[in-house]
Amino acid sequence: QVRLVESGGGLVQAGGSLRLSCAASGRTFSTINMGWFRQAPGKEREFVAAITWTDGSTYYSDSVKDRFTISRDNAKNTAYLQMNNLKPEDTAVYHCNTGAIISATMKPAGNWGQGTQVTVSS
């Protein structure tokens, strides 16, 4: 079973950038789909981005497309989320997970970790 640990969050001004990392262990990283989700206080967790293990296809929510980029480095057992032109509405706890990708979104199947906090000031 895969263990996932998120890192890279922080406080940034609107228009700034951050790169989140998701380190995986316990299973062959290259054989699993990876995805990012976020949850703001008082809101439900929402899908952000995903990448397949089969061909590296990527998927994004409309709210982050053209600003965020998901990638993976199988040799390092790590997935990334490059976030550019951040907006205050991006403020949330970001989590990574594994699961099936259906209809351009991911169905999370793994356990949720603590995530990493991203705060964007105006």
PDB file of N, CA and C in Angstrom:
ATOM      1  N   GLN A   1       0.836  -1.178   0.000  1.00  0.00           N
ATOM      2  CA  GLN A   1       0.000   0.000   0.000  1.00  0.00           C
ATOM      3  C   GLN A   1       0.885   1.248   0.000  1.00  0.00           C
ATOM      4  N   VAL A   2       0.433   2.285  -0.697  1.00  0.00           N
ATOM      5  CA  VAL A   2       1.236   3.485  -0.885  1.00  0.00           C
ATOM      6  C   VAL A   2       1.038   4.468   0.262  1.00  0.00           C
ATOM      7  N   ARG A   3       2.143   5.005   0.740  1.00  0.00           N
ATOM      8  CA  ARG A   3       2.123   6.083   1.712  1.00  0.00           C
ATOM      9  C   ARG A   3       2.513   7.366   0.984  1.00  0.00           C
ATOM     10  N   LEU A   4       1.731   8.415   1.154  1.00  0.00           N
ATOM     11  CA  LEU A   4       1.953   9.676   0.468  1.00  0.00           C
ATOM     12  C   LEU A   4       2.138  10.797   1.478  1.00  0.00           C
ATOM     13  N   VAL A   5       3.168  11.609   1.268  1.00  0.00           N
ATOM     14  CA  VAL A   5       3.456  12.728   2.149  1.00  0.00           C
ATOM     15  C   VAL A   5       3.603  13.989   1.317  1.00  0.00           C
ATOM     16  N   GLU A   6       2.765  14.979   1.602  1.00  0.00           N
ATOM     17  CA  GLU A   6       2.784  16.234   0.867  1.00  0.00           C
ATOM     18  C   GLU A   6       3.702  17.249   1.545  1.00  0.00           C
ATOM     19  N   SER A   7       4.274  18.134   0.741  1.00  0.00           N
ATOM     20  CA  SER A   7       5.106  19.211   1.260  1.00  0.00           C
ATOM     21  C   SER A   7       5.164  20.336   0.236  1.00  0.00           C
ATOM     22  N   GLY A   8       5.703  21.472   0.642  1.00  0.00           N
ATOM     23  CA  GLY A   8       5.921  22.574  -0.272  1.00  0.00           C
ATOM     24  C   GLY A   8       4.970  23.739  -0.141  1.00  0.00           C
ATOM     25  N   GLY A   9       3.962  23.619   0.707  1.00  0.00           N
ATOM     26  CA  GLY A   9       3.025  24.707   0.880  1.00  0.00           C
ATOM     27  C   GLY A   9       3.643  25.875   1.623  1.00  0.00           C
ATOM     28  N   GLY A  10       2.914  26.977   1.662  1.00  0.00           N
ATOM     29  CA  GLY A  10       3.405  28.156   2.348  1.00  0.00           C
ATOM     30  C   GLY A  10       2.519  29.352   2.104  1.00  0.00           C
ATOM     31  N   LEU A  11       3.008  30.506   2.505  1.00  0.00           N
ATOM     32  CA  LEU A  11       2.302  31.768   2.338  1.00  0.00           C
ATOM     33  C   LEU A  11       2.911  32.524   1.166  1.00  0.00           C
ATOM     34  N   VAL A  12       2.065  32.945   0.247  1.00  0.00           N
ATOM     35  CA  VAL A  12       2.541  33.643  -0.941  1.00  0.00           C
ATOM     36  C   VAL A  12       1.541  34.728  -1.326  1.00  0.00           C
ATOM     37  N   GLN A  13       2.035  35.790  -1.936  1.00  0.00           N
ATOM     38  CA  GLN A  13       1.166  36.855  -2.411  1.00  0.00           C
ATOM     39  C   GLN A  13       0.504  36.465  -3.723  1.00  0.00           C
ATOM     40  N   ALA A  14      -0.639  37.063  -3.984  1.00  0.00           N
ATOM     41  CA  ALA A  14      -1.323  36.820  -5.251  1.00  0.00           C
ATOM     42  C   ALA A  14      -0.376  37.091  -6.416  1.00  0.00           C
ATOM     43  N   GLY A  15      -0.409  36.187  -7.382  1.00  0.00           N
ATOM     44  CA  GLY A  15       0.481  36.285  -8.519  1.00  0.00           C
ATOM     45  C   GLY A  15       1.762  35.507  -8.360  1.00  0.00           C
ATOM     46  N   GLY A  16       2.030  35.021  -7.162  1.00  0.00           N
ATOM     47  CA  GLY A  16       3.235  34.266  -6.899  1.00  0.00           C
ATOM     48  C   GLY A  16       3.104  32.809  -7.277  1.00  0.00           C
ATOM     49  N   SER A  17       4.154  32.035  -6.970  1.00  0.00           N
ATOM     50  CA  SER A  17       4.208  30.628  -7.346  1.00  0.00           C
ATOM     51  C   SER A  17       4.666  29.757  -6.189  1.00  0.00           C
ATOM     52  N   LEU A  18       4.239  28.511  -6.217  1.00  0.00           N
ATOM     53  CA  LEU A  18       4.686  27.486  -5.292  1.00  0.00           C
ATOM     54  C   LEU A  18       4.757  26.163  -6.034  1.00  0.00           C
ATOM     55  N   ARG A  19       5.615  25.271  -5.573  1.00  0.00           N
ATOM     56  CA  ARG A  19       5.656  23.919  -6.103  1.00  0.00           C
ATOM     57  C   ARG A  19       5.455  22.933  -4.969  1.00  0.00           C
ATOM     58  N   LEU A  20       4.384  22.165  -5.059  1.00  0.00           N
ATOM     59  CA  LEU A  20       4.086  21.150  -4.071  1.00  0.00           C
ATOM     60  C   LEU A  20       4.694  19.819  -4.480  1.00  0.00           C
ATOM     61  N   SER A  21       5.092  19.039  -3.489  1.00  0.00           N
ATOM     62  CA  SER A  21       5.651  17.720  -3.735  1.00  0.00           C
ATOM     63  C   SER A  21       4.834  16.667  -3.009  1.00  0.00           C
ATOM     64  N   CYS A  22       4.754  15.500  -3.609  1.00  0.00           N
ATOM     65  CA  CYS A  22       4.060  14.357  -3.027  1.00  0.00           C
ATOM     66  C   CYS A  22       4.997  13.166  -3.106  1.00  0.00           C
ATOM     67  N   ALA A  23       5.591  12.822  -1.985  1.00  0.00           N
ATOM     68  CA  ALA A  23       6.541  11.714  -1.930  1.00  0.00           C
ATOM     69  C   ALA A  23       5.815  10.419  -1.610  1.00  0.00           C
ATOM     70  N   ALA A  24       6.072   9.396  -2.400  1.00  0.00           N
ATOM     71  CA  ALA A  24       5.402   8.114  -2.253  1.00  0.00           C
ATOM     72  C   ALA A  24       6.377   7.026  -1.831  1.00  0.00           C
ATOM     73  N   SER A  25       5.877   6.082  -1.056  1.00  0.00           N
ATOM     74  CA  SER A  25       6.668   4.936  -0.650  1.00  0.00           C
ATOM     75  C   SER A  25       5.746   3.743  -0.433  1.00  0.00           C
ATOM     76  N   GLY A  26       6.318   2.552  -0.452  1.00  0.00           N
ATOM     77  CA  GLY A  26       5.561   1.352  -0.148  1.00  0.00           C
ATOM     78  C   GLY A  26       5.008   0.599  -1.347  1.00  0.00           C
ATOM     79  N   ARG A  27       5.145   1.149  -2.533  1.00  0.00           N
ATOM     80  CA  ARG A  27       4.639   0.533  -3.749  1.00  0.00           C
ATOM     81  C   ARG A  27       5.353   1.138  -4.938  1.00  0.00           C
ATOM     82  N   THR A  28       5.387   0.397  -6.027  1.00  0.00           N
ATOM     83  CA  THR A  28       6.006   0.896  -7.251  1.00  0.00           C
ATOM     84  C   THR A  28       5.268   2.134  -7.726  1.00  0.00           C
ATOM     85  N   PHE A  29       5.948   3.275  -7.693  1.00  0.00           N
ATOM     86  CA  PHE A  29       5.325   4.551  -7.992  1.00  0.00           C
ATOM     87  C   PHE A  29       4.845   4.650  -9.425  1.00  0.00           C
ATOM     88  N   SER A  30       5.564   4.070 -10.343  1.00  0.00           N
ATOM     89  CA  SER A  30       5.261   4.226 -11.756  1.00  0.00           C
ATOM     90  C   SER A  30       3.982   3.529 -12.193  1.00  0.00           C
ATOM     91  N   THR A  31       3.398   2.702 -11.351  1.00  0.00           N
ATOM     92  CA  THR A  31       2.212   1.944 -11.734  1.00  0.00           C
ATOM     93  C   THR A  31       0.910   2.546 -11.227  1.00  0.00           C
ATOM     94  N   ILE A  32       0.954   3.717 -10.602  1.00  0.00           N
ATOM     95  CA  ILE A  32      -0.245   4.305 -10.028  1.00  0.00           C
ATOM     96  C   ILE A  32      -0.519   5.694 -10.598  1.00  0.00           C
ATOM     97  N   ASN A  33      -1.811   5.993 -10.760  1.00  0.00           N
ATOM     98  CA  ASN A  33      -2.206   7.356 -11.108  1.00  0.00           C
ATOM     99  C   ASN A  33      -2.023   8.255  -9.889  1.00  0.00           C
ATOM    100  N   MET A  34      -1.688   9.513 -10.125  1.00  0.00           N
ATOM    101  CA  MET A  34      -1.503  10.466  -9.040  1.00  0.00           C
ATOM    102  C   MET A  34      -2.399  11.672  -9.255  1.00  0.00           C
ATOM    103  N   GLY A  35      -2.926  12.191  -8.167  1.00  0.00           N
ATOM    104  CA  GLY A  35      -3.796  13.347  -8.270  1.00  0.00           C
ATOM    105  C   GLY A  35      -3.639  14.294  -7.099  1.00  0.00           C
ATOM    106  N   TRP A  36      -4.028  15.524  -7.326  1.00  0.00           N
ATOM    107  CA  TRP A  36      -4.032  16.555  -6.290  1.00  0.00           C
ATOM    108  C   TRP A  36      -5.455  17.024  -6.036  1.00  0.00           C
ATOM    109  N   PHE A  37      -5.756  17.242  -4.765  1.00  0.00           N
ATOM    110  CA  PHE A  37      -7.044  17.743  -4.323  1.00  0.00           C
ATOM    111  C   PHE A  37      -6.799  18.875  -3.341  1.00  0.00           C
ATOM    112  N   ARG A  38      -7.811  19.686  -3.107  1.00  0.00           N
ATOM    113  CA  ARG A  38      -7.675  20.744  -2.116  1.00  0.00           C
ATOM    114  C   ARG A  38      -8.987  20.941  -1.377  1.00  0.00           C
ATOM    115  N   GLN A  39      -8.870  21.440  -0.157  1.00  0.00           N
ATOM    116  CA  GLN A  39     -10.038  21.688   0.663  1.00  0.00           C
ATOM    117  C   GLN A  39      -9.836  22.961   1.470  1.00  0.00           C
ATOM    118  N   ALA A  40     -10.721  23.912   1.251  1.00  0.00           N
ATOM    119  CA  ALA A  40     -10.711  25.153   2.000  1.00  0.00           C
ATOM    120  C   ALA A  40     -11.655  25.026   3.194  1.00  0.00           C
ATOM    121  N   PRO A  41     -11.433  25.804   4.256  1.00  0.00           N
ATOM    122  CA  PRO A  41     -12.316  25.739   5.423  1.00  0.00           C
ATOM    123  C   PRO A  41     -13.772  25.967   5.042  1.00  0.00           C
ATOM    124  N   GLY A  42     -14.645  25.086   5.511  1.00  0.00           N
ATOM    125  CA  GLY A  42     -16.062  25.210   5.228  1.00  0.00           C
ATOM    126  C   GLY A  42     -16.493  24.738   3.859  1.00  0.00           C
ATOM    127  N   LYS A  43     -15.568  24.215   3.079  1.00  0.00           N
ATOM    128  CA  LYS A  43     -15.890  23.738   1.747  1.00  0.00           C
ATOM    129  C   LYS A  43     -15.527  22.266   1.600  1.00  0.00           C
ATOM    130  N   GLU A  44     -16.137  21.626   0.610  1.00  0.00           N
ATOM    131  CA  GLU A  44     -15.826  20.235   0.331  1.00  0.00           C
ATOM    132  C   GLU A  44     -14.504  20.125  -0.404  1.00  0.00           C
ATOM    133  N   ARG A  45     -13.871  18.978  -0.263  1.00  0.00           N
ATOM    134  CA  ARG A  45     -12.641  18.729  -0.994  1.00  0.00           C
ATOM    135  C   ARG A  45     -12.942  18.687  -2.489  1.00  0.00           C
ATOM    136  N   GLU A  46     -12.097  19.314  -3.288  1.00  0.00           N
ATOM    137  CA  GLU A  46     -12.312  19.356  -4.719  1.00  0.00           C
ATOM    138  C   GLU A  46     -11.088  18.863  -5.482  1.00  0.00           C
ATOM    139  N   PHE A  47     -11.355  18.313  -6.638  1.00  0.00           N
ATOM    140  CA  PHE A  47     -10.304  17.841  -7.522  1.00  0.00           C
ATOM    141  C   PHE A  47      -9.547  19.011  -8.121  1.00  0.00           C
ATOM    142  N   VAL A  48      -8.230  18.869  -8.234  1.00  0.00           N
ATOM    143  CA  VAL A  48      -7.386  19.907  -8.806  1.00  0.00           C
ATOM    144  C   VAL A  48      -6.718  19.441 -10.086  1.00  0.00           C
ATOM    145  N   ALA A  49      -5.991  18.329 -10.010  1.00  0.00           N
ATOM    146  CA  ALA A  49      -5.244  17.846 -11.165  1.00  0.00           C
ATOM    147  C   ALA A  49      -4.906  16.379 -10.983  1.00  0.00           C
ATOM    148  N   ALA A  50      -4.655  15.685 -12.094  1.00  0.00           N
ATOM    149  CA  ALA A  50      -4.276  14.280 -12.042  1.00  0.00           C
ATOM    150  C   ALA A  50      -3.368  13.946 -13.211  1.00  0.00           C
ATOM    151  N   ILE A  51      -2.597  12.878 -13.042  1.00  0.00           N
ATOM    152  CA  ILE A  51      -1.708  12.396 -14.092  1.00  0.00           C
ATOM    153  C   ILE A  51      -1.727  10.880 -14.089  1.00  0.00           C
ATOM    154  N   THR A  52      -1.822  10.276 -15.273  1.00  0.00           N
ATOM    155  CA  THR A  52      -1.879   8.827 -15.377  1.00  0.00           C
ATOM    156  C   THR A  52      -0.486   8.216 -15.339  1.00  0.00           C
ATOM    157  N   TRP A  53      -0.425   6.935 -14.980  1.00  0.00           N
ATOM    158  CA  TRP A  53       0.852   6.230 -15.031  1.00  0.00           C
ATOM    159  C   TRP A  53       1.059   5.578 -16.390  1.00  0.00           C
ATOM    160  N   THR A  54      -0.032   5.338 -17.124  1.00  0.00           N
ATOM    161  CA  THR A  54       0.055   4.640 -18.398  1.00  0.00           C
ATOM    162  C   THR A  54       0.761   5.461 -19.468  1.00  0.00           C
ATOM    163  N   ASP A  55       0.361   6.715 -19.630  1.00  0.00           N
ATOM    164  CA  ASP A  55       0.960   7.534 -20.682  1.00  0.00           C
ATOM    165  C   ASP A  55       1.261   8.965 -20.246  1.00  0.00           C
ATOM    166  N   GLY A  56       1.061   9.271 -18.972  1.00  0.00           N
ATOM    167  CA  GLY A  56       1.358  10.603 -18.473  1.00  0.00           C
ATOM    168  C   GLY A  56       0.340  11.653 -18.860  1.00  0.00           C
ATOM    169  N   SER A  57      -0.857  11.246 -19.254  1.00  0.00           N
ATOM    170  CA  SER A  57      -1.903  12.212 -19.575  1.00  0.00           C
ATOM    171  C   SER A  57      -2.266  13.015 -18.335  1.00  0.00           C
ATOM    172  N   THR A  58      -2.549  14.295 -18.520  1.00  0.00           N
ATOM    173  CA  THR A  58      -2.866  15.172 -17.402  1.00  0.00           C
ATOM    174  C   THR A  58      -4.269  15.726 -17.514  1.00  0.00           C
ATOM    175  N   TYR A  59      -4.848  16.017 -16.363  1.00  0.00           N
ATOM    176  CA  TYR A  59      -6.207  16.530 -16.281  1.00  0.00           C
ATOM    177  C   TYR A  59      -6.254  17.609 -15.213  1.00  0.00           C
ATOM    178  N   TYR A  60      -7.045  18.660 -15.465  1.00  0.00           N
ATOM    179  CA  TYR A  60      -7.117  19.790 -14.554  1.00  0.00           C
ATOM    180  C   TYR A  60      -8.546  20.261 -14.386  1.00  0.00           C
ATOM    181  N   SER A  61      -8.837  20.797 -13.216  1.00  0.00           N
ATOM    182  CA  SER A  61     -10.107  21.466 -13.023  1.00  0.00           C
ATOM    183  C   SER A  61     -10.078  22.799 -13.759  1.00  0.00           C
ATOM    184  N   ASP A  62     -11.251  23.298 -14.120  1.00  0.00           N
ATOM    185  CA  ASP A  62     -11.322  24.551 -14.859  1.00  0.00           C
ATOM    186  C   ASP A  62     -10.721  25.719 -14.076  1.00  0.00           C
ATOM    187  N   SER A  63     -10.804  25.664 -12.763  1.00  0.00           N
ATOM    188  CA  SER A  63     -10.341  26.769 -11.944  1.00  0.00           C
ATOM    189  C   SER A  63      -8.818  26.918 -11.924  1.00  0.00           C
ATOM    190  N   VAL A  64      -8.082  25.871 -12.295  1.00  0.00           N
ATOM    191  CA  VAL A  64      -6.619  25.938 -12.236  1.00  0.00           C
ATOM    192  C   VAL A  64      -5.951  25.744 -13.586  1.00  0.00           C
ATOM    193  N   LYS A  65      -6.712  25.398 -14.605  1.00  0.00           N
ATOM    194  CA  LYS A  65      -6.107  25.156 -15.912  1.00  0.00           C
ATOM    195  C   LYS A  65      -5.381  26.410 -16.396  1.00  0.00           C
ATOM    196  N   ASP A  66      -4.262  26.205 -17.065  1.00  0.00           N
ATOM    197  CA  ASP A  66      -3.391  27.257 -17.589  1.00  0.00           C
ATOM    198  C   ASP A  66      -2.570  27.941 -16.505  1.00  0.00           C
ATOM    199  N   ARG A  67      -2.753  27.549 -15.243  1.00  0.00           N
ATOM    200  CA  ARG A  67      -1.954  28.101 -14.154  1.00  0.00           C
ATOM    201  C   ARG A  67      -1.165  27.029 -13.415  1.00  0.00           C
ATOM    202  N   PHE A  68      -1.746  25.849 -13.259  1.00  0.00           N
ATOM    203  CA  PHE A  68      -1.101  24.751 -12.535  1.00  0.00           C
ATOM    204  C   PHE A  68      -0.620  23.687 -13.508  1.00  0.00           C
ATOM    205  N   THR A  69       0.451  22.995 -13.133  1.00  0.00           N
ATOM    206  CA  THR A  69       0.981  21.898 -13.931  1.00  0.00           C
ATOM    207  C   THR A  69       1.329  20.731 -13.021  1.00  0.00           C
ATOM    208  N   ILE A  70       0.753  19.573 -13.308  1.00  0.00           N
ATOM    209  CA  ILE A  70       1.080  18.371 -12.550  1.00  0.00           C
ATOM    210  C   ILE A  70       2.127  17.578 -13.311  1.00  0.00           C
ATOM    211  N   SER A  71       3.056  16.989 -12.585  1.00  0.00           N
ATOM    212  CA  SER A  71       4.101  16.178 -13.194  1.00  0.00           C
ATOM    213  C   SER A  71       4.523  15.095 -12.219  1.00  0.00           C
ATOM    214  N   ARG A  72       5.362  14.179 -12.689  1.00  0.00           N
ATOM    215  CA  ARG A  72       5.847  13.121 -11.819  1.00  0.00           C
ATOM    216  C   ARG A  72       7.251  12.716 -12.223  1.00  0.00           C
ATOM    217  N   ASP A  73       8.024  12.300 -11.238  1.00  0.00           N
ATOM    218  CA  ASP A  73       9.365  11.795 -11.441  1.00  0.00           C
ATOM    219  C   ASP A  73       9.395  10.409 -10.825  1.00  0.00           C
ATOM    220  N   ASN A  74       9.242   9.398 -11.659  1.00  0.00           N
ATOM    221  CA  ASN A  74       9.146   8.036 -11.156  1.00  0.00           C
ATOM    222  C   ASN A  74      10.429   7.578 -10.464  1.00  0.00           C
ATOM    223  N   ALA A  75      11.567   8.055 -10.929  1.00  0.00           N
ATOM    224  CA  ALA A  75      12.836   7.682 -10.316  1.00  0.00           C
ATOM    225  C   ALA A  75      12.926   8.176  -8.880  1.00  0.00           C
ATOM    226  N   LYS A  76      12.266   9.284  -8.584  1.00  0.00           N
ATOM    227  CA  LYS A  76      12.275   9.853  -7.237  1.00  0.00           C
ATOM    228  C   LYS A  76      11.023   9.507  -6.449  1.00  0.00           C
ATOM    229  N   ASN A  77      10.117   8.742  -7.051  1.00  0.00           N
ATOM    230  CA  ASN A  77       8.859   8.369  -6.397  1.00  0.00           C
ATOM    231  C   ASN A  77       8.105   9.601  -5.906  1.00  0.00           C
ATOM    232  N   THR A  78       8.064  10.619  -6.738  1.00  0.00           N
ATOM    233  CA  THR A  78       7.492  11.894  -6.334  1.00  0.00           C
ATOM    234  C   THR A  78       6.633  12.500  -7.438  1.00  0.00           C
ATOM    235  N   ALA A  79       5.490  13.052  -7.048  1.00  0.00           N
ATOM    236  CA  ALA A  79       4.654  13.830  -7.942  1.00  0.00           C
ATOM    237  C   ALA A  79       4.711  15.288  -7.515  1.00  0.00           C
ATOM    238  N   TYR A  80       4.471  16.183  -8.462  1.00  0.00           N
ATOM    239  CA  TYR A  80       4.584  17.610  -8.194  1.00  0.00           C
ATOM    240  C   TYR A  80       3.355  18.351  -8.696  1.00  0.00           C
ATOM    241  N   LEU A  81       3.122  19.500  -8.101  1.00  0.00           N
ATOM    242  CA  LEU A  81       2.111  20.420  -8.592  1.00  0.00           C
ATOM    243  C   LEU A  81       2.737  21.805  -8.622  1.00  0.00           C
ATOM    244  N   GLN A  82       3.076  22.265  -9.808  1.00  0.00           N
ATOM    245  CA  GLN A  82       3.603  23.610  -9.980  1.00  0.00           C
ATOM    246  C   GLN A  82       2.432  24.569 -10.088  1.00  0.00           C
ATOM    247  N   MET A  83       2.374  25.534  -9.194  1.00  0.00           N
ATOM    248  CA  MET A  83       1.269  26.474  -9.135  1.00  0.00           C
ATOM    249  C   MET A  83       1.795  27.875  -9.430  1.00  0.00           C
ATOM    250  N   ASN A  84       1.340  28.444 -10.533  1.00  0.00           N
ATOM    251  CA  ASN A  84       1.737  29.783 -10.937  1.00  0.00           C
ATOM    252  C   ASN A  84       0.543  30.718 -10.911  1.00  0.00           C
ATOM    253  N   ASN A  85       0.832  32.017 -10.847  1.00  0.00           N
ATOM    254  CA  ASN A  85      -0.219  33.033 -10.830  1.00  0.00           C
ATOM    255  C   ASN A  85      -1.290  32.698  -9.801  1.00  0.00           C
ATOM    256  N   LEU A  86      -0.849  32.445  -8.591  1.00  0.00           N
ATOM    257  CA  LEU A  86      -1.769  32.055  -7.530  1.00  0.00           C
ATOM    258  C   LEU A  86      -2.747  33.170  -7.186  1.00  0.00           C
ATOM    259  N   LYS A  87      -3.954  32.749  -6.829  1.00  0.00           N
ATOM    260  CA  LYS A  87      -5.024  33.662  -6.470  1.00  0.00           C
ATOM    261  C   LYS A  87      -5.492  33.373  -5.050  1.00  0.00           C
ATOM    262  N   PRO A  88      -6.080  34.362  -4.372  1.00  0.00           N
ATOM    263  CA  PRO A  88      -6.570  34.113  -3.010  1.00  0.00           C
ATOM    264  C   PRO A  88      -7.522  32.924  -2.931  1.00  0.00           C
ATOM    265  N   GLU A  89      -8.305  32.687  -3.956  1.00  0.00           N
ATOM    266  CA  GLU A  89      -9.232  31.566  -3.943  1.00  0.00           C
ATOM    267  C   GLU A  89      -8.545  30.207  -4.045  1.00  0.00           C
ATOM    268  N   ASP A  90      -7.231  30.197  -4.279  1.00  0.00           N
ATOM    269  CA  ASP A  90      -6.470  28.956  -4.261  1.00  0.00           C
ATOM    270  C   ASP A  90      -6.105  28.531  -2.840  1.00  0.00           C
ATOM    271  N   THR A  91      -6.354  29.382  -1.870  1.00  0.00           N
ATOM    272  CA  THR A  91      -6.026  29.079  -0.484  1.00  0.00           C
ATOM    273  C   THR A  91      -6.780  27.842  -0.017  1.00  0.00           C
ATOM    274  N   ALA A  92      -6.033  26.843   0.462  1.00  0.00           N
ATOM    275  CA  ALA A  92      -6.623  25.579   0.886  1.00  0.00           C
ATOM    276  C   ALA A  92      -5.525  24.659   1.395  1.00  0.00           C
ATOM    277  N   VAL A  93      -5.940  23.545   1.985  1.00  0.00           N
ATOM    278  CA  VAL A  93      -5.020  22.459   2.276  1.00  0.00           C
ATOM    279  C   VAL A  93      -4.997  21.553   1.054  1.00  0.00           C
ATOM    280  N   TYR A  94      -3.820  21.286   0.539  1.00  0.00           N
ATOM    281  CA  TYR A  94      -3.668  20.474  -0.653  1.00  0.00           C
ATOM    282  C   TYR A  94      -3.229  19.065  -0.278  1.00  0.00           C
ATOM    283  N   HIS A  95      -3.910  18.086  -0.857  1.00  0.00           N
ATOM    284  CA  HIS A  95      -3.631  16.677  -0.608  1.00  0.00           C
ATOM    285  C   HIS A  95      -3.353  15.975  -1.930  1.00  0.00           C
ATOM    286  N   CYS A  96      -2.499  14.978  -1.902  1.00  0.00           N
ATOM    287  CA  CYS A  96      -2.344  14.108  -3.058  1.00  0.00           C
ATOM    288  C   CYS A  96      -2.960  12.757  -2.740  1.00  0.00           C
ATOM    289  N   ASN A  97      -3.263  12.001  -3.775  1.00  0.00           N
ATOM    290  CA  ASN A  97      -3.868  10.695  -3.587  1.00  0.00           C
ATOM    291  C   ASN A  97      -3.696   9.870  -4.852  1.00  0.00           C
ATOM    292  N   THR A  98      -4.089   8.618  -4.762  1.00  0.00           N
ATOM    293  CA  THR A  98      -4.107   7.717  -5.896  1.00  0.00           C
ATOM    294  C   THR A  98      -5.541   7.354  -6.207  1.00  0.00           C
ATOM    295  N   GLY A  99      -5.774   6.772  -7.376  1.00  0.00           N
ATOM    296  CA  GLY A  99      -7.113   6.350  -7.725  1.00  0.00           C
ATOM    297  C   GLY A  99      -7.319   6.284  -9.219  1.00  0.00           C
ATOM    298  N   ALA A 100      -8.518   5.900  -9.591  1.00  0.00           N
ATOM    299  CA  ALA A 100      -8.882   5.821 -10.999  1.00  0.00           C
ATOM    300  C   ALA A 100      -9.198   7.204 -11.535  1.00  0.00           C
ATOM    301  N   ILE A 101      -8.853   7.424 -12.790  1.00  0.00           N
ATOM    302  CA  ILE A 101      -9.189   8.673 -13.467  1.00  0.00           C
ATOM    303  C   ILE A 101     -10.342   8.388 -14.415  1.00  0.00           C
ATOM    304  N   ILE A 102     -11.471   8.982 -14.134  1.00  0.00           N
ATOM    305  CA  ILE A 102     -12.689   8.771 -14.903  1.00  0.00           C
ATOM    306  C   ILE A 102     -13.311  10.115 -15.223  1.00  0.00           C
ATOM    307  N   SER A 103     -13.681  10.300 -16.480  1.00  0.00           N
ATOM    308  CA  SER A 103     -14.320  11.539 -16.933  1.00  0.00           C
ATOM    309  C   SER A 103     -13.493  12.765 -16.569  1.00  0.00           C
ATOM    310  N   ALA A 104     -12.185  12.663 -16.760  1.00  0.00           N
ATOM    311  CA  ALA A 104     -11.238  13.755 -16.567  1.00  0.00           C
ATOM    312  C   ALA A 104     -11.072  14.166 -15.109  1.00  0.00           C
ATOM    313  N   THR A 105     -11.534  13.341 -14.182  1.00  0.00           N
ATOM    314  CA  THR A 105     -11.317  13.585 -12.760  1.00  0.00           C
ATOM    315  C   THR A 105     -10.850  12.296 -12.099  1.00  0.00           C
ATOM    316  N   MET A 106     -10.328  12.414 -10.883  1.00  0.00           N
ATOM    317  CA  MET A 106      -9.861  11.246 -10.161  1.00  0.00           C
ATOM    318  C   MET A 106     -10.831  10.863  -9.055  1.00  0.00           C
ATOM    319  N   LYS A 107     -11.054   9.552  -8.943  1.00  0.00           N
ATOM    320  CA  LYS A 107     -11.773   9.010  -7.803  1.00  0.00           C
ATOM    321  C   LYS A 107     -10.728   8.603  -6.773  1.00  0.00           C
ATOM    322  N   PRO A 108     -10.546   9.372  -5.716  1.00  0.00           N
ATOM    323  CA  PRO A 108      -9.496   9.044  -4.747  1.00  0.00           C
ATOM    324  C   PRO A 108      -9.778   7.718  -4.054  1.00  0.00           C
ATOM    325  N   ALA A 109      -8.742   6.908  -3.915  1.00  0.00           N
ATOM    326  CA  ALA A 109      -8.893   5.581  -3.334  1.00  0.00           C
ATOM    327  C   ALA A 109      -7.997   5.347  -2.128  1.00  0.00           C
ATOM    328  N   GLY A 110      -6.958   6.139  -1.972  1.00  0.00           N
ATOM    329  CA  GLY A 110      -6.037   5.956  -0.876  1.00  0.00           C
ATOM    330  C   GLY A 110      -6.454   6.709   0.370  1.00  0.00           C
ATOM    331  N   ASN A 111      -5.650   6.549   1.414  1.00  0.00           N
ATOM    332  CA  ASN A 111      -5.904   7.267   2.656  1.00  0.00           C
ATOM    333  C   ASN A 111      -5.479   8.729   2.522  1.00  0.00           C
ATOM    334  N   TRP A 112      -6.229   9.604   3.173  1.00  0.00           N
ATOM    335  CA  TRP A 112      -5.882  11.019   3.175  1.00  0.00           C
ATOM    336  C   TRP A 112      -4.852  11.313   4.263  1.00  0.00           C
ATOM    337  N   GLY A 113      -3.802  12.018   3.894  1.00  0.00           N
ATOM    338  CA  GLY A 113      -2.800  12.435   4.854  1.00  0.00           C
ATOM    339  C   GLY A 113      -3.113  13.809   5.418  1.00  0.00           C
ATOM    340  N   GLN A 114      -2.099  14.456   5.979  1.00  0.00           N
ATOM    341  CA  GLN A 114      -2.294  15.770   6.580  1.00  0.00           C
ATOM    342  C   GLN A 114      -2.341  16.887   5.551  1.00  0.00           C
ATOM    343  N   GLY A 115      -1.778  16.659   4.384  1.00  0.00           N
ATOM    344  CA  GLY A 115      -1.764  17.675   3.351  1.00  0.00           C
ATOM    345  C   GLY A 115      -0.758  18.774   3.646  1.00  0.00           C
ATOM    346  N   THR A 116      -0.750  19.783   2.783  1.00  0.00           N
ATOM    347  CA  THR A 116       0.127  20.925   2.974  1.00  0.00           C
ATOM    348  C   THR A 116      -0.668  22.203   2.726  1.00  0.00           C
ATOM    349  N   GLN A 117      -0.503  23.171   3.612  1.00  0.00           N
ATOM    350  CA  GLN A 117      -1.303  24.395   3.565  1.00  0.00           C
ATOM    351  C   GLN A 117      -0.738  25.381   2.554  1.00  0.00           C
ATOM    352  N   VAL A 118      -1.619  25.884   1.703  1.00  0.00           N
ATOM    353  CA  VAL A 118      -1.281  26.947   0.766  1.00  0.00           C
ATOM    354  C   VAL A 118      -2.151  28.149   1.099  1.00  0.00           C
ATOM    355  N   THR A 119      -1.527  29.274   1.386  1.00  0.00           N
ATOM    356  CA  THR A 119      -2.252  30.491   1.704  1.00  0.00           C
ATOM    357  C   THR A 119      -1.803  31.597   0.762  1.00  0.00           C
ATOM    358  N   VAL A 120      -2.754  32.175   0.051  1.00  0.00           N
ATOM    359  CA  VAL A 120      -2.467  33.224  -0.922  1.00  0.00           C
ATOM    360  C   VAL A 120      -3.097  34.517  -0.432  1.00  0.00           C
ATOM    361  N   SER A 121      -2.279  35.512  -0.195  1.00  0.00           N
ATOM    362  CA  SER A 121      -2.763  36.797   0.283  1.00  0.00           C
ATOM    363  C   SER A 121      -3.080  37.710  -0.890  1.00  0.00           C
ATOM    364  N   SER A 122      -3.980  38.648  -0.653  1.00  0.00           N
ATOM    365  CA  SER A 122      -4.377  39.586  -1.694  1.00  0.00           C
ATOM    366  C   SER A 122      -3.537  40.843  -1.686  1.00  0.00           C
TER     367      SER A 122
END
